[in-house]
């Protein structure tokens, strides 16, 4: 194990994975989000200048992201917007890349980020629920993927 499980406190069931009541009628290719729609989604910024990668909030001091993303970063929580920093800016204390991460093949492309201070959960900032080790995902189960990216082949990423 690359980080002791004891270091990651589990959020209570009532704290994690809850979004405001919204209609899930997204189109293929994605669409903009509203504030608080995905309260665990985090924008990672390089030197507080621009969005570079996404992450998810998994506990009050922990984020999960891709290992290939990091140099000098801050985390912006509580906003779906990439223009400006209207969300909360939190400093990243330490980045734990998977020990088998391979920069060439992107094998084990995962990292845990420890925030400098604990996050207070609000309506726009909540952790995502993580399954336990024994969970089996049902084939064909509905899921949602959040983040910032192009909504069409060769297109630019939108600001939300």
N, C-alpha and C. Protein backbone atom coordinates (compact mmCIF):
# COMPACT_ATOMS: atom_id res chain seq x y z
N UNK A 1 0.85 -1.18 0.00
CA UNK A 1 0.00 0.00 0.00
C UNK A 1 0.88 1.23 0.00
N UNK A 2 0.54 2.21 -0.75
CA UNK A 2 1.37 3.40 -0.91
C UNK A 2 1.02 4.52 0.05
N UNK A 3 -0.08 4.40 0.80
CA UNK A 3 -0.40 5.33 1.87
C UNK A 3 -1.28 4.57 2.86
N UNK A 4 -0.96 4.62 4.14
CA UNK A 4 -1.76 3.88 5.11
C UNK A 4 -3.22 4.28 5.06
N UNK A 5 -4.11 3.28 5.07
CA UNK A 5 -5.54 3.56 5.05
C UNK A 5 -5.96 4.40 6.24
N UNK A 6 -5.27 4.24 7.36
CA UNK A 6 -5.61 5.00 8.57
C UNK A 6 -5.46 6.50 8.35
N UNK A 7 -4.67 6.90 7.38
CA UNK A 7 -4.46 8.33 7.12
C UNK A 7 -5.67 8.96 6.44
N UNK A 8 -6.54 8.15 5.88
CA UNK A 8 -7.70 8.67 5.16
C UNK A 8 -8.97 8.44 5.97
N UNK A 9 -9.43 9.45 6.72
CA UNK A 9 -10.67 9.27 7.47
C UNK A 9 -11.84 9.14 6.53
N UNK A 10 -12.78 8.26 6.88
CA UNK A 10 -13.96 8.08 6.04
C UNK A 10 -15.00 9.12 6.41
N UNK A 11 -15.52 9.85 5.40
CA UNK A 11 -16.60 10.78 5.72
C UNK A 11 -17.83 9.98 6.13
N UNK A 12 -18.70 10.58 6.94
CA UNK A 12 -19.92 9.87 7.32
C UNK A 12 -20.78 9.71 6.07
N UNK A 13 -21.62 8.69 6.09
CA UNK A 13 -22.46 8.41 4.93
C UNK A 13 -23.32 9.62 4.58
N UNK A 14 -23.76 10.39 5.58
CA UNK A 14 -24.61 11.54 5.29
C UNK A 14 -23.84 12.69 4.65
N UNK A 15 -22.50 12.71 4.77
CA UNK A 15 -21.70 13.80 4.21
C UNK A 15 -21.32 13.57 2.75
N UNK A 16 -21.17 12.34 2.32
CA UNK A 16 -20.57 12.10 1.01
C UNK A 16 -21.59 11.81 -0.08
N UNK A 17 -21.20 12.16 -1.30
CA UNK A 17 -21.94 11.76 -2.49
C UNK A 17 -23.30 12.38 -2.68
N UNK A 18 -23.63 13.41 -1.93
CA UNK A 18 -24.95 14.02 -2.04
C UNK A 18 -24.88 15.28 -2.89
N UNK A 19 -25.73 15.36 -3.91
CA UNK A 19 -25.82 16.56 -4.73
C UNK A 19 -27.20 17.18 -4.49
N UNK A 20 -27.35 18.46 -4.80
CA UNK A 20 -28.69 19.05 -4.73
C UNK A 20 -29.60 18.32 -5.71
N UNK A 21 -30.90 18.41 -5.51
CA UNK A 21 -31.84 17.76 -6.42
C UNK A 21 -31.76 18.44 -7.78
N UNK A 22 -31.20 17.74 -8.76
CA UNK A 22 -31.09 18.27 -10.11
C UNK A 22 -31.53 17.20 -11.09
N UNK A 23 -32.02 17.63 -12.22
CA UNK A 23 -32.41 16.69 -13.26
C UNK A 23 -31.17 16.24 -14.01
N UNK A 24 -30.97 14.94 -14.14
CA UNK A 24 -29.79 14.41 -14.83
C UNK A 24 -30.13 14.16 -16.29
N UNK A 25 -30.18 15.22 -17.07
CA UNK A 25 -30.50 15.09 -18.49
C UNK A 25 -29.35 15.63 -19.32
N UNK A 26 -28.16 15.16 -19.04
CA UNK A 26 -26.96 15.63 -19.74
C UNK A 26 -26.90 15.01 -21.13
N UNK A 27 -26.33 15.75 -22.05
CA UNK A 27 -26.18 15.25 -23.41
C UNK A 27 -24.84 14.56 -23.56
N UNK A 28 -24.71 13.72 -24.58
CA UNK A 28 -23.43 13.10 -24.89
C UNK A 28 -22.44 14.20 -25.20
N UNK A 29 -21.25 14.12 -24.66
CA UNK A 29 -20.27 15.17 -24.86
C UNK A 29 -20.23 16.14 -23.70
N UNK A 30 -21.21 16.07 -22.82
CA UNK A 30 -21.18 16.90 -21.63
C UNK A 30 -21.87 18.23 -21.79
N UNK A 31 -22.03 18.89 -20.67
CA UNK A 31 -22.62 20.22 -20.64
C UNK A 31 -22.17 20.92 -19.36
N UNK A 32 -22.42 22.21 -19.29
CA UNK A 32 -22.01 22.99 -18.14
C UNK A 32 -22.70 22.54 -16.86
N UNK A 33 -22.04 22.79 -15.75
CA UNK A 33 -22.59 22.45 -14.44
C UNK A 33 -22.94 23.73 -13.69
N UNK A 34 -23.83 23.60 -12.73
CA UNK A 34 -24.17 24.73 -11.87
C UNK A 34 -23.43 24.60 -10.55
N UNK A 35 -23.30 25.70 -9.83
CA UNK A 35 -22.61 25.70 -8.55
C UNK A 35 -23.27 24.68 -7.61
N UNK A 36 -22.47 23.80 -7.03
CA UNK A 36 -22.97 22.81 -6.09
C UNK A 36 -23.51 21.54 -6.71
N UNK A 37 -23.60 21.47 -8.04
CA UNK A 37 -24.15 20.28 -8.69
C UNK A 37 -23.26 19.06 -8.46
N UNK A 38 -21.97 19.24 -8.48
CA UNK A 38 -21.00 18.17 -8.23
C UNK A 38 -20.03 18.68 -7.15
N UNK A 39 -20.44 18.69 -5.88
CA UNK A 39 -19.68 19.37 -4.83
C UNK A 39 -18.34 18.74 -4.47
N UNK A 40 -18.02 17.59 -5.01
CA UNK A 40 -16.73 16.95 -4.76
C UNK A 40 -15.71 17.26 -5.86
N UNK A 41 -16.14 17.87 -6.95
CA UNK A 41 -15.24 18.17 -8.07
C UNK A 41 -14.34 19.34 -7.71
N UNK A 42 -13.04 19.20 -7.94
CA UNK A 42 -12.03 20.20 -7.58
C UNK A 42 -11.22 20.56 -8.82
N UNK A 43 -10.90 21.82 -8.97
CA UNK A 43 -10.04 22.30 -10.05
C UNK A 43 -8.64 22.52 -9.49
N UNK A 44 -7.63 21.93 -10.11
CA UNK A 44 -6.23 22.10 -9.69
C UNK A 44 -5.57 23.13 -10.59
N UNK A 45 -5.01 24.16 -9.98
CA UNK A 45 -4.43 25.29 -10.71
C UNK A 45 -2.93 25.32 -10.53
N UNK A 46 -2.22 25.63 -11.59
CA UNK A 46 -0.77 25.80 -11.54
C UNK A 46 -0.46 27.24 -11.16
N UNK A 47 0.22 27.42 -10.05
CA UNK A 47 0.64 28.75 -9.57
C UNK A 47 -0.50 29.77 -9.53
N UNK A 48 -1.71 29.31 -9.24
CA UNK A 48 -2.90 30.17 -9.13
C UNK A 48 -3.21 30.94 -10.40
N UNK A 49 -2.73 30.47 -11.54
CA UNK A 49 -2.94 31.19 -12.80
C UNK A 49 -4.00 30.56 -13.68
N UNK A 50 -4.05 29.23 -13.74
CA UNK A 50 -5.01 28.60 -14.63
C UNK A 50 -5.24 27.14 -14.25
N UNK A 51 -6.43 26.65 -14.62
CA UNK A 51 -6.81 25.26 -14.38
C UNK A 51 -5.91 24.34 -15.20
N UNK A 52 -5.42 23.26 -14.59
CA UNK A 52 -4.60 22.28 -15.29
C UNK A 52 -5.16 20.87 -15.21
N UNK A 53 -5.73 20.49 -14.08
CA UNK A 53 -6.25 19.13 -13.89
C UNK A 53 -7.43 19.17 -12.93
N UNK A 54 -8.16 18.09 -12.90
CA UNK A 54 -9.26 17.94 -11.96
C UNK A 54 -8.90 16.95 -10.87
N UNK A 55 -9.67 16.97 -9.81
CA UNK A 55 -9.52 16.04 -8.69
C UNK A 55 -10.89 15.88 -8.04
N UNK A 56 -11.00 14.92 -7.13
CA UNK A 56 -12.22 14.77 -6.34
C UNK A 56 -11.85 14.84 -4.87
N UNK A 57 -12.73 15.45 -4.09
CA UNK A 57 -12.58 15.54 -2.64
C UNK A 57 -13.04 14.22 -2.05
N UNK A 58 -12.14 13.51 -1.32
CA UNK A 58 -12.52 12.22 -0.75
C UNK A 58 -12.61 12.25 0.77
N UNK A 59 -12.08 13.28 1.40
CA UNK A 59 -12.17 13.49 2.85
C UNK A 59 -11.83 14.96 3.10
N UNK A 60 -11.91 15.41 4.36
CA UNK A 60 -11.76 16.84 4.59
C UNK A 60 -10.36 17.39 4.34
N UNK A 61 -9.35 16.52 4.21
CA UNK A 61 -8.00 16.98 3.87
C UNK A 61 -7.41 16.24 2.68
N UNK A 62 -8.21 15.48 1.94
CA UNK A 62 -7.65 14.61 0.91
C UNK A 62 -8.38 14.74 -0.42
N UNK A 63 -7.58 14.80 -1.50
CA UNK A 63 -8.06 14.80 -2.88
C UNK A 63 -7.49 13.61 -3.61
N UNK A 64 -8.18 13.13 -4.64
CA UNK A 64 -7.70 12.05 -5.50
C UNK A 64 -7.64 12.58 -6.92
N UNK A 65 -6.50 12.36 -7.60
CA UNK A 65 -6.32 12.87 -8.96
C UNK A 65 -5.36 11.98 -9.72
N UNK A 66 -4.99 12.42 -10.92
CA UNK A 66 -4.01 11.72 -11.75
C UNK A 66 -2.61 12.17 -11.35
N UNK A 67 -1.67 11.25 -11.33
CA UNK A 67 -0.30 11.54 -10.90
C UNK A 67 0.44 12.47 -11.87
N UNK A 68 0.05 12.46 -13.15
CA UNK A 68 0.81 13.23 -14.14
C UNK A 68 0.58 14.75 -14.04
N UNK A 69 -0.22 15.18 -13.14
CA UNK A 69 -0.66 16.58 -13.10
C UNK A 69 0.21 17.56 -12.33
N UNK A 70 1.23 17.14 -11.60
CA UNK A 70 1.70 18.02 -10.52
C UNK A 70 3.07 18.65 -10.64
N UNK A 71 3.12 19.89 -10.18
CA UNK A 71 4.33 20.68 -10.02
C UNK A 71 4.07 21.63 -8.87
N UNK A 72 3.70 22.87 -9.15
CA UNK A 72 3.36 23.85 -8.10
C UNK A 72 1.87 24.16 -8.21
N UNK A 73 1.08 23.62 -7.30
CA UNK A 73 -0.36 23.61 -7.44
C UNK A 73 -1.09 24.21 -6.25
N UNK A 74 -2.32 24.70 -6.51
CA UNK A 74 -3.30 25.02 -5.48
C UNK A 74 -4.61 24.35 -5.90
N UNK A 75 -5.51 24.15 -4.97
CA UNK A 75 -6.80 23.54 -5.25
C UNK A 75 -7.89 24.59 -5.09
N UNK A 76 -8.84 24.64 -6.04
CA UNK A 76 -9.97 25.57 -5.98
C UNK A 76 -11.24 24.74 -5.83
N UNK A 77 -11.92 24.87 -4.69
CA UNK A 77 -13.09 24.07 -4.37
C UNK A 77 -14.36 24.91 -4.41
N UNK A 78 -15.49 24.26 -4.64
CA UNK A 78 -16.78 24.91 -4.51
C UNK A 78 -17.24 25.72 -5.70
N UNK A 79 -16.64 25.54 -6.88
CA UNK A 79 -17.09 26.28 -8.06
C UNK A 79 -16.98 25.43 -9.31
N UNK A 80 -17.96 25.54 -10.23
CA UNK A 80 -17.84 24.86 -11.51
C UNK A 80 -17.16 25.72 -12.57
N UNK A 81 -16.79 26.95 -12.23
CA UNK A 81 -16.28 27.90 -13.20
C UNK A 81 -14.76 27.92 -13.23
N UNK A 82 -14.18 27.96 -14.42
CA UNK A 82 -12.72 28.00 -14.56
C UNK A 82 -12.20 29.40 -14.78
N UNK A 83 -13.07 30.36 -14.98
CA UNK A 83 -12.63 31.75 -15.18
C UNK A 83 -12.66 32.46 -13.83
N UNK A 84 -11.49 32.83 -13.34
CA UNK A 84 -11.42 33.47 -12.03
C UNK A 84 -11.45 32.44 -10.92
N UNK A 85 -11.24 32.89 -9.72
CA UNK A 85 -11.23 31.97 -8.59
C UNK A 85 -12.32 32.36 -7.60
N UNK A 86 -13.59 32.13 -7.98
CA UNK A 86 -14.67 32.45 -7.06
C UNK A 86 -14.91 31.36 -6.04
N UNK A 87 -14.19 30.25 -6.15
CA UNK A 87 -14.27 29.19 -5.16
C UNK A 87 -13.26 29.42 -4.05
N UNK A 88 -13.16 28.47 -3.14
CA UNK A 88 -12.18 28.55 -2.05
C UNK A 88 -10.85 28.00 -2.53
N UNK A 89 -9.77 28.73 -2.29
CA UNK A 89 -8.43 28.29 -2.67
C UNK A 89 -7.77 27.66 -1.45
N UNK A 90 -7.31 26.43 -1.59
CA UNK A 90 -6.64 25.71 -0.50
C UNK A 90 -5.25 25.30 -0.97
N UNK A 91 -4.27 25.45 -0.10
CA UNK A 91 -2.91 25.04 -0.44
C UNK A 91 -2.76 23.53 -0.29
N UNK A 92 -1.97 22.96 -1.19
CA UNK A 92 -1.68 21.53 -1.15
C UNK A 92 -0.42 21.33 -0.32
N UNK A 93 -0.53 20.51 0.72
CA UNK A 93 0.57 20.26 1.64
C UNK A 93 1.54 19.21 1.09
N UNK A 94 0.99 18.11 0.57
CA UNK A 94 1.85 17.03 0.09
C UNK A 94 1.13 16.26 -1.01
N UNK A 95 1.89 15.79 -1.99
CA UNK A 95 1.37 14.96 -3.09
C UNK A 95 2.00 13.59 -2.99
N UNK A 96 1.16 12.55 -2.94
CA UNK A 96 1.63 11.17 -2.88
C UNK A 96 1.31 10.50 -4.22
N UNK A 97 2.29 10.36 -5.09
CA UNK A 97 2.09 9.64 -6.35
C UNK A 97 2.23 8.15 -6.07
N UNK A 98 1.48 7.34 -6.82
CA UNK A 98 1.60 5.89 -6.67
C UNK A 98 3.05 5.50 -6.94
N UNK A 99 3.64 4.61 -6.13
CA UNK A 99 5.05 4.27 -6.32
C UNK A 99 5.36 3.59 -7.65
N UNK A 100 4.35 2.99 -8.30
CA UNK A 100 4.58 2.33 -9.58
C UNK A 100 4.15 3.21 -10.76
N UNK A 101 3.84 4.48 -10.50
CA UNK A 101 3.45 5.39 -11.58
C UNK A 101 4.56 5.45 -12.62
N UNK A 102 4.18 5.33 -13.91
CA UNK A 102 5.15 5.36 -15.01
C UNK A 102 4.81 6.54 -15.91
N UNK A 103 5.72 7.50 -15.99
CA UNK A 103 5.49 8.73 -16.75
C UNK A 103 5.34 8.46 -18.25
N UNK A 104 5.88 7.37 -18.76
CA UNK A 104 5.83 7.06 -20.19
C UNK A 104 4.56 6.30 -20.59
N UNK A 105 4.16 5.33 -19.77
CA UNK A 105 2.99 4.53 -20.10
C UNK A 105 1.73 5.01 -19.39
N UNK A 106 1.90 5.85 -18.38
CA UNK A 106 0.83 6.33 -17.50
C UNK A 106 0.19 5.20 -16.70
N UNK A 107 0.89 4.08 -16.55
CA UNK A 107 0.42 3.03 -15.65
C UNK A 107 0.39 3.60 -14.23
N UNK A 108 -0.60 3.19 -13.44
CA UNK A 108 -0.75 3.63 -12.05
C UNK A 108 -0.81 5.16 -11.95
N UNK A 109 -1.51 5.78 -12.86
CA UNK A 109 -1.60 7.24 -12.94
C UNK A 109 -2.62 7.76 -11.92
N UNK A 110 -2.24 7.69 -10.66
CA UNK A 110 -3.11 8.12 -9.58
C UNK A 110 -2.27 8.77 -8.49
N UNK A 111 -2.84 9.76 -7.83
CA UNK A 111 -2.13 10.44 -6.75
C UNK A 111 -3.13 10.89 -5.69
N UNK A 112 -2.67 10.91 -4.45
CA UNK A 112 -3.44 11.49 -3.35
C UNK A 112 -2.80 12.81 -2.99
N UNK A 113 -3.62 13.82 -2.77
CA UNK A 113 -3.13 15.15 -2.40
C UNK A 113 -3.63 15.45 -1.00
N UNK A 114 -2.71 15.81 -0.12
CA UNK A 114 -3.08 16.20 1.23
C UNK A 114 -3.13 17.72 1.28
N UNK A 115 -4.26 18.26 1.71
CA UNK A 115 -4.41 19.71 1.82
C UNK A 115 -3.73 20.21 3.09
N UNK A 116 -3.30 21.45 3.09
CA UNK A 116 -2.62 22.04 4.24
C UNK A 116 -3.57 22.18 5.43
N UNK A 117 -4.83 22.46 5.17
CA UNK A 117 -5.82 22.57 6.25
C UNK A 117 -7.07 21.79 5.87
N UNK A 118 -7.82 21.39 6.88
CA UNK A 118 -9.05 20.64 6.64
C UNK A 118 -10.11 21.55 6.03
N UNK A 119 -10.88 21.00 5.12
CA UNK A 119 -11.96 21.71 4.44
C UNK A 119 -13.24 21.59 5.26
N UNK A 120 -13.96 22.69 5.39
CA UNK A 120 -15.28 22.65 6.02
C UNK A 120 -16.29 22.35 4.92
N UNK A 121 -17.09 21.30 5.11
CA UNK A 121 -18.06 20.93 4.10
C UNK A 121 -19.22 21.92 4.09
N UNK A 122 -19.65 22.29 2.87
CA UNK A 122 -20.75 23.23 2.67
C UNK A 122 -21.65 22.68 1.57
N UNK A 123 -22.63 23.46 1.15
CA UNK A 123 -23.52 23.00 0.07
C UNK A 123 -22.78 22.88 -1.26
N UNK A 124 -21.65 23.59 -1.43
CA UNK A 124 -20.89 23.51 -2.69
C UNK A 124 -19.58 22.76 -2.56
N UNK A 125 -19.26 22.27 -1.36
CA UNK A 125 -18.01 21.53 -1.12
C UNK A 125 -18.31 20.34 -0.23
N UNK A 126 -18.37 19.14 -0.83
CA UNK A 126 -18.64 17.90 -0.10
C UNK A 126 -17.78 16.80 -0.68
N UNK A 127 -17.47 15.76 0.11
CA UNK A 127 -16.68 14.65 -0.42
C UNK A 127 -17.53 13.70 -1.26
N UNK A 128 -16.87 12.99 -2.14
CA UNK A 128 -17.51 11.92 -2.89
C UNK A 128 -17.45 10.65 -2.04
N UNK A 129 -18.35 9.71 -2.25
CA UNK A 129 -18.32 8.43 -1.54
C UNK A 129 -17.40 7.48 -2.29
N UNK A 130 -16.56 6.78 -1.57
CA UNK A 130 -15.70 5.76 -2.18
C UNK A 130 -16.22 4.38 -1.79
N UNK A 131 -16.22 3.43 -2.71
CA UNK A 131 -16.67 2.08 -2.37
C UNK A 131 -15.65 1.38 -1.48
N UNK A 132 -16.14 0.40 -0.69
CA UNK A 132 -15.18 -0.37 0.10
C UNK A 132 -14.52 -1.41 -0.81
N UNK A 133 -13.49 -2.06 -0.29
CA UNK A 133 -12.69 -3.01 -1.09
C UNK A 133 -13.49 -4.17 -1.65
N UNK A 134 -14.61 -4.52 -1.03
CA UNK A 134 -15.38 -5.68 -1.48
C UNK A 134 -16.47 -5.32 -2.49
N UNK A 135 -16.65 -4.06 -2.79
CA UNK A 135 -17.72 -3.64 -3.69
C UNK A 135 -17.49 -4.17 -5.11
N UNK A 136 -18.55 -4.70 -5.71
CA UNK A 136 -18.50 -5.17 -7.10
C UNK A 136 -19.44 -4.28 -7.91
N UNK A 137 -18.91 -3.66 -8.95
CA UNK A 137 -19.73 -2.79 -9.78
C UNK A 137 -20.54 -3.62 -10.76
N UNK A 138 -21.83 -3.37 -10.81
CA UNK A 138 -22.77 -4.08 -11.66
C UNK A 138 -22.55 -3.66 -13.12
N UNK A 139 -22.50 -4.62 -14.03
CA UNK A 139 -22.37 -4.30 -15.45
C UNK A 139 -23.58 -3.49 -15.90
N UNK A 140 -23.32 -2.43 -16.63
CA UNK A 140 -24.40 -1.58 -17.13
C UNK A 140 -24.92 -0.57 -16.12
N UNK A 141 -24.30 -0.51 -14.95
CA UNK A 141 -24.75 0.44 -13.93
C UNK A 141 -24.54 1.87 -14.42
N UNK A 142 -25.46 2.75 -14.09
CA UNK A 142 -25.37 4.16 -14.49
C UNK A 142 -24.33 4.86 -13.62
N UNK A 143 -23.51 5.67 -14.26
CA UNK A 143 -22.51 6.44 -13.51
C UNK A 143 -22.37 7.81 -14.15
N UNK A 144 -21.75 8.71 -13.42
CA UNK A 144 -21.51 10.06 -13.92
C UNK A 144 -20.03 10.35 -13.83
N UNK A 145 -19.49 10.97 -14.87
CA UNK A 145 -18.10 11.39 -14.88
C UNK A 145 -18.10 12.91 -14.92
N UNK A 146 -17.38 13.53 -14.00
CA UNK A 146 -17.33 14.99 -13.96
C UNK A 146 -15.90 15.46 -14.19
N UNK A 147 -15.77 16.67 -14.65
CA UNK A 147 -14.46 17.24 -14.89
C UNK A 147 -14.57 18.29 -15.98
N UNK A 148 -13.44 18.80 -16.39
CA UNK A 148 -13.40 19.83 -17.43
C UNK A 148 -12.68 19.25 -18.63
N UNK A 149 -13.30 19.33 -19.78
CA UNK A 149 -12.68 18.81 -20.99
C UNK A 149 -13.47 19.23 -22.20
N UNK A 150 -12.95 18.89 -23.36
CA UNK A 150 -13.63 19.24 -24.62
C UNK A 150 -14.96 18.50 -24.70
N UNK A 151 -15.97 19.16 -25.24
CA UNK A 151 -17.28 18.53 -25.40
C UNK A 151 -17.48 17.95 -26.79
N UNK A 152 -16.48 18.12 -27.66
CA UNK A 152 -16.51 17.50 -28.98
C UNK A 152 -15.08 17.24 -29.42
N UNK A 153 -14.91 16.33 -30.36
CA UNK A 153 -13.59 15.97 -30.86
C UNK A 153 -12.86 17.21 -31.38
N UNK A 154 -11.66 17.46 -30.85
CA UNK A 154 -10.86 18.59 -31.28
C UNK A 154 -11.31 19.93 -30.73
N UNK A 155 -12.35 19.91 -29.88
CA UNK A 155 -12.89 21.17 -29.35
C UNK A 155 -12.14 21.65 -28.12
N UNK A 156 -12.43 22.87 -27.74
CA UNK A 156 -11.84 23.47 -26.55
C UNK A 156 -12.67 23.09 -25.33
N UNK A 157 -12.03 23.09 -24.16
CA UNK A 157 -12.75 22.83 -22.92
C UNK A 157 -13.58 24.05 -22.56
N UNK A 158 -14.84 23.83 -22.15
CA UNK A 158 -15.67 24.96 -21.74
C UNK A 158 -15.22 25.48 -20.37
N UNK A 159 -15.72 26.63 -19.97
CA UNK A 159 -15.35 27.23 -18.69
C UNK A 159 -16.09 26.66 -17.50
N UNK A 160 -17.08 25.75 -17.73
CA UNK A 160 -17.80 25.09 -16.63
C UNK A 160 -17.88 23.62 -16.89
